[in-house]
Amino acid sequence: MKYKIIFSDFDGTITMPDNTVSERTKRSIASFRDRGGKFVVATGRLFSSILPRVRQLGITDGEVVVYQGAGTYDIATGKPLYLNVIDKPLAVSLLRSIEALDYCVPLVYFDDKCNCREVNDAVRMFCDICGVSPSVTPDNMPLSDYVASHDVKPVKVLTLLMPDDSGRFLEHMRGLYGDKVIFTRSNKMVVEALPFGVNKGAACRRIAESYGVSASEVICAGDAENDISMIEYAGLGVAAPGAMQGLKDRADYVSQATVGDCIGDIIDRFCKE
């Protein structure tokens, strides 16, 4: 086959609007893998969140990329193969800057948990979509204080906010941390922060090269700005139906399939030979 590995975002790319996976998608992935192809999910989710969903796809071994590329886990053993940790003073500073704003809610991932100060409607909705339970700090301690005073290893800082607030938030935070951190939207209501060089594209490259596969033999598919790095890395970068315009502008192919059938469309169109 021309393309040996497909890396795909999960939410909004593999999933349908009701957060389920179509039978066509499952069959297409199975067919691609039966013919020797490798299919890897690359998500911003926690490992504990994505593991049952990957298994629903019929994938029980190999790698899964999590935390927007900050982590790669072995599906069979549940052990991390790669894990980037944000420098603690930087994570604390990021959290304090977010906490100072009255229009957004910070979250931080560590210990493979989604940690928050309190559970409100935004946190509840986010965690419901991701299929995880939020982990609340003792006595509603601010996340910045908790990270500063405990032996934890933060891998990702997130901000929940209304779509209309994302522009001013990004301008403000990039003004403070633009030389240290990449801010990207994984959803219209979610902005994520990671150190420079930590992204899905770098994770995909690392995995592909470990198998001796070149970028020209790779397909990457996604729907949001956090997928741009892997779209630009791949030999064939695909934007899912309904993808953010910034991703569509960089994609080699924009799928016109029904939402949730992007993967079937890709495999039928580009992976049959």
Protein backbone atom coordinates (compact mmCIF):
# COMPACT_ATOMS: atom_id res chain seq x y z
CA MET A 1 0.00 0.00 0.00
CA LYS A 2 1.12 3.54 -0.69
CA TYR A 3 0.08 4.66 2.79
CA LYS A 4 1.32 2.49 5.64
CA ILE A 5 0.09 4.44 8.66
CA ILE A 6 -3.05 6.47 9.30
CA PHE A 7 -3.01 8.78 12.31
CA SER A 8 -6.41 10.15 13.22
CA ASP A 9 -7.85 12.53 15.74
CA PHE A 10 -10.76 10.99 17.63
CA ASP A 11 -13.44 13.49 18.68
CA GLY A 12 -15.02 15.12 15.65
CA THR A 13 -12.98 13.06 13.19
CA ILE A 14 -13.74 9.43 14.06
CA THR A 15 -16.85 10.09 16.12
CA MET A 16 -20.34 10.96 14.95
CA PRO A 17 -22.26 13.91 16.46
CA ASP A 18 -23.64 11.69 19.23
CA ASN A 19 -20.08 10.65 20.22
CA THR A 20 -20.49 7.11 18.85
CA VAL A 21 -18.48 5.42 16.09
CA SER A 22 -20.13 4.21 12.90
CA GLU A 23 -19.98 0.60 11.81
CA ARG A 24 -18.47 1.73 8.52
CA THR A 25 -15.57 3.31 10.40
CA LYS A 26 -14.95 0.12 12.38
CA ARG A 27 -15.06 -2.03 9.23
CA SER A 28 -12.75 0.31 7.34
CA ILE A 29 -10.16 0.36 10.11
CA ALA A 30 -10.29 -3.44 10.40
CA SER A 31 -9.87 -3.81 6.63
CA PHE A 32 -6.92 -1.42 6.55
CA ARG A 33 -5.21 -3.22 9.43
CA ASP A 34 -5.91 -6.66 7.93
CA ARG A 35 -4.05 -5.55 4.81
CA GLY A 36 -0.99 -4.59 6.83
CA GLY A 37 -1.76 -0.94 7.55
CA LYS A 38 -1.23 0.63 10.96
CA PHE A 39 -3.98 2.81 12.45
CA VAL A 40 -3.12 5.11 15.36
CA VAL A 41 -5.48 7.40 17.26
CA ALA A 42 -3.93 10.78 18.14
CA THR A 43 -6.01 12.68 20.67
CA GLY A 44 -5.90 15.31 23.35
CA ARG A 45 -7.69 12.98 25.73
CA LEU A 46 -6.34 11.24 28.78
CA PHE A 47 -5.10 7.70 28.23
CA SER A 48 -7.74 6.38 30.63
CA SER A 49 -10.38 8.19 28.59
CA ILE A 50 -9.35 7.06 25.12
CA LEU A 51 -8.38 3.45 25.93
CA PRO A 52 -11.94 2.02 25.96
CA ARG A 53 -12.80 3.96 22.81
CA VAL A 54 -9.72 2.63 20.97
CA ARG A 55 -10.71 -0.90 21.98
CA GLN A 56 -14.17 -0.23 20.53
CA LEU A 57 -12.41 0.32 17.22
CA GLY A 58 -11.01 -3.22 17.48
CA ILE A 59 -7.48 -2.02 18.26
CA THR A 60 -5.94 -3.88 21.18
CA ASP A 61 -2.23 -3.34 20.57
CA GLY A 62 0.18 -0.74 19.26
CA GLU A 63 0.38 2.90 20.26
CA VAL A 64 -2.07 5.67 21.04
CA VAL A 65 -1.08 9.33 21.14
CA VAL A 66 -2.61 11.30 24.03
CA TYR A 67 -2.41 14.75 25.67
CA GLN A 68 -2.07 16.45 22.25
CA GLY A 69 1.19 14.62 21.63
CA ALA A 70 2.64 15.03 25.12
CA GLY A 71 2.17 11.30 25.70
CA THR A 72 2.33 8.03 23.80
CA TYR A 73 1.06 4.87 25.49
CA ASP A 74 1.23 1.17 24.71
CA ILE A 75 -2.36 -0.02 24.36
CA ALA A 76 -1.71 -3.60 25.46
CA THR A 77 0.30 -2.83 28.61
CA GLY A 78 -1.09 0.60 29.50
CA LYS A 79 2.42 1.91 30.03
CA PRO A 80 3.74 5.24 28.69
CA LEU A 81 6.28 5.00 25.92
CA TYR A 82 6.82 8.76 25.87
CA LEU A 83 5.69 11.41 28.33
CA ASN A 84 6.54 15.11 28.27
CA VAL A 85 6.13 17.03 31.52
CA ILE A 86 5.63 20.79 31.66
CA ASP A 87 8.21 22.58 33.79
CA LYS A 88 6.43 23.07 37.13
CA PRO A 89 7.12 26.83 37.52
CA LEU A 90 5.77 27.38 34.00
CA ALA A 91 2.66 25.29 34.70
CA VAL A 92 2.02 27.21 37.94
CA SER A 93 2.48 30.55 36.19
CA LEU A 94 0.10 29.53 33.39
CA LEU A 95 -2.55 28.42 35.85
CA ARG A 96 -2.26 31.62 37.91
CA SER A 97 -2.64 33.74 34.80
CA ILE A 98 -5.76 31.82 33.78
CA GLU A 99 -7.17 31.92 37.31
CA ALA A 100 -6.86 35.72 37.28
CA LEU A 101 -9.36 35.93 34.40
CA ASP A 102 -13.06 35.93 35.24
CA TYR A 103 -14.35 34.47 32.00
CA CYS A 104 -12.64 31.08 31.81
CA VAL A 105 -11.99 27.88 33.77
CA PRO A 106 -8.55 26.22 34.01
CA LEU A 107 -7.91 22.48 34.05
CA VAL A 108 -4.63 20.59 34.29
CA TYR A 109 -3.78 17.00 33.43
CA PHE A 110 -1.51 15.01 35.73
CA ASP A 111 -1.58 11.42 37.00
CA ASP A 112 -3.75 10.69 33.94
CA LYS A 113 -6.59 12.67 35.54
CA CYS A 114 -8.47 15.82 34.62
CA ASN A 115 -7.91 18.07 37.63
CA CYS A 116 -10.00 21.11 38.54
CA ARG A 117 -10.75 23.37 41.50
CA GLU A 118 -14.49 22.75 41.37
CA VAL A 119 -17.05 21.12 39.11
CA ASN A 120 -19.26 23.58 37.27
CA ASP A 121 -21.38 23.17 34.14
CA ALA A 122 -18.43 23.72 31.78
CA VAL A 123 -16.24 21.16 33.56
CA ARG A 124 -19.10 18.69 33.76
CA MET A 125 -19.85 18.99 30.04
CA PHE A 126 -16.19 18.66 29.07
CA CYS A 127 -15.65 15.59 31.24
CA ASP A 128 -18.87 13.98 30.04
CA ILE A 129 -17.71 14.28 26.43
CA CYS A 130 -14.31 12.82 27.36
CA GLY A 131 -15.84 10.04 29.43
CA VAL A 132 -13.91 10.82 32.62
CA SER A 133 -14.72 11.98 36.12
CA PRO A 134 -13.15 15.31 37.18
CA SER A 135 -10.67 15.18 40.03
CA VAL A 136 -11.26 18.09 42.44
CA THR A 137 -8.47 19.59 44.56
CA PRO A 138 -8.86 19.26 48.36
CA ASP A 139 -10.86 22.11 49.90
CA ASN A 140 -11.24 23.64 46.43
CA MET A 141 -7.61 24.71 46.47
CA PRO A 142 -6.65 26.72 43.36
CA LEU A 143 -4.95 24.50 40.82
CA SER A 144 -1.89 26.73 40.77
CA ASP A 145 -1.40 26.33 44.53
CA TYR A 146 -1.97 22.58 44.37
CA VAL A 147 0.56 22.04 41.58
CA ALA A 148 3.07 24.29 43.34
CA SER A 149 2.81 22.45 46.65
CA HIS A 150 2.51 18.81 45.56
CA ASP A 151 4.72 16.31 43.79
CA VAL A 152 2.81 16.17 40.53
CA LYS A 153 3.93 16.17 36.91
CA PRO A 154 1.61 18.32 34.77
CA VAL A 155 1.48 17.33 31.11
CA LYS A 156 -1.13 19.76 29.78
CA VAL A 157 -2.96 22.93 30.82
CA LEU A 158 -6.43 23.57 29.40
CA THR A 159 -8.85 26.47 29.49
CA LEU A 160 -12.63 26.21 29.08
CA LEU A 161 -14.33 29.34 27.82
CA MET A 162 -17.08 30.62 25.54
CA PRO A 163 -16.16 30.75 21.83
CA ASP A 164 -16.54 34.54 21.72
CA ASP A 165 -13.88 34.87 24.42
CA SER A 166 -11.22 32.75 22.74
CA GLY A 167 -9.81 35.63 20.68
CA ARG A 168 -9.07 37.92 23.61
CA PHE A 169 -7.85 35.00 25.69
CA LEU A 170 -5.36 33.90 23.04
CA GLU A 171 -4.12 37.45 22.52
CA HIS A 172 -3.63 37.92 26.26
CA MET A 173 -1.91 34.59 26.90
CA ARG A 174 0.30 34.74 23.82
CA GLY A 175 1.41 38.17 24.97
CA LEU A 176 2.51 36.66 28.28
CA TYR A 177 3.87 33.28 27.16
CA GLY A 178 4.31 33.47 23.40
CA ASP A 179 8.01 32.67 23.66
CA LYS A 180 7.46 29.56 25.79
CA VAL A 181 4.12 27.97 24.98
CA ILE A 182 1.96 27.07 22.01
CA PHE A 183 -1.75 27.78 22.52
CA THR A 184 -4.15 25.93 20.26
CA ARG A 185 -7.89 25.29 20.10
CA SER A 186 -9.02 21.68 20.20
CA ASN A 187 -12.62 22.82 20.23
CA LYS A 188 -14.40 26.16 19.93
CA MET A 189 -14.66 26.17 23.73
CA VAL A 190 -11.29 24.64 24.64
CA VAL A 191 -7.82 26.18 24.42
CA GLU A 192 -4.83 23.99 25.27
CA ALA A 193 -1.30 24.96 26.22
CA LEU A 194 1.82 22.90 25.61
CA PRO A 195 5.54 23.72 25.44
CA PHE A 196 7.07 24.41 22.03
CA GLY A 197 7.83 21.24 20.09
CA VAL A 198 5.17 19.15 21.86
CA ASN A 199 2.31 18.47 19.46
CA LYS A 200 0.56 15.72 17.56
CA GLY A 201 2.75 16.15 14.50
CA ALA A 202 5.94 15.49 16.47
CA ALA A 203 4.35 12.42 18.06
CA CYS A 204 3.26 11.05 14.68
CA ARG A 205 6.72 11.59 13.23
CA ARG A 206 8.34 9.82 16.20
CA ILE A 207 6.10 6.76 15.81
CA ALA A 208 6.38 6.58 12.02
CA GLU A 209 10.17 6.83 12.09
CA SER A 210 10.33 4.05 14.70
CA TYR A 211 8.77 1.78 12.05
CA GLY A 212 10.93 3.08 9.22
CA VAL A 213 7.95 4.82 7.61
CA SER A 214 8.46 8.16 5.85
CA ALA A 215 6.08 11.09 5.96
CA SER A 216 5.11 10.41 2.34
CA GLU A 217 3.65 7.07 3.48
CA VAL A 218 1.53 8.64 6.22
CA ILE A 219 -2.03 9.97 6.29
CA CYS A 220 -3.13 12.26 9.13
CA ALA A 221 -6.73 13.32 9.67
CA GLY A 222 -8.25 15.84 12.05
CA ASP A 223 -10.83 18.56 12.55
CA ALA A 224 -9.35 21.27 14.80
CA GLU A 225 -6.41 23.64 15.10
CA ASN A 226 -4.57 21.24 17.40
CA ASP A 227 -4.41 18.82 14.45
CA ILE A 228 -2.60 21.24 12.13
CA SER A 229 0.87 20.02 13.13
CA MET A 230 0.12 16.46 12.05
CA ILE A 231 -1.76 17.56 8.91
CA GLU A 232 1.31 19.50 7.83
CA TYR A 233 3.65 16.59 8.66
CA ALA A 234 1.76 13.93 6.71
CA GLY A 235 2.20 12.99 3.09
CA LEU A 236 -1.57 13.33 2.90
CA GLY A 237 -3.26 15.67 5.36
CA VAL A 238 -7.03 15.32 5.60
CA ALA A 239 -9.61 17.67 7.10
CA ALA A 240 -12.70 15.95 8.43
CA PRO A 241 -16.19 17.20 7.53
CA GLY A 242 -16.97 20.22 9.68
CA ALA A 243 -13.30 20.92 10.42
CA MET A 244 -12.17 24.37 11.51
CA GLN A 245 -11.35 26.60 8.57
CA GLY A 246 -7.72 26.99 9.63
CA LEU A 247 -7.26 23.24 9.29
CA LYS A 248 -9.11 23.04 5.98
CA ASP A 249 -6.81 25.70 4.57
CA ARG A 250 -3.78 23.50 5.27
CA ALA A 251 -5.23 20.13 4.29
CA ASP A 252 -4.44 18.28 1.06
CA TYR A 253 -7.95 16.84 1.03
CA VAL A 254 -11.18 17.96 2.70
CA SER A 255 -13.53 15.04 3.20
CA GLN A 256 -17.08 15.59 2.01
CA ALA A 257 -18.35 12.45 3.71
CA THR A 258 -21.07 12.44 6.32
CA VAL A 259 -19.74 13.49 9.73
CA GLY A 260 -18.41 10.34 11.36
CA ASP A 261 -17.56 8.66 8.06
CA CYS A 262 -14.31 10.50 7.40
CA ILE A 263 -12.11 7.46 8.04
CA GLY A 264 -14.16 5.22 5.77
CA ASP A 265 -13.93 7.89 3.08
CA ILE A 266 -10.13 8.14 3.44
CA ILE A 267 -9.55 4.39 3.33
CA ASP A 268 -11.90 3.84 0.39
CA ARG A 269 -10.40 6.72 -1.57
CA PHE A 270 -6.68 6.43 -0.84
CA CYS A 271 -5.92 3.01 0.67
CA LYS A 272 -7.43 0.44 -1.66
CA GLU A 273 -4.39 -0.28 -3.80
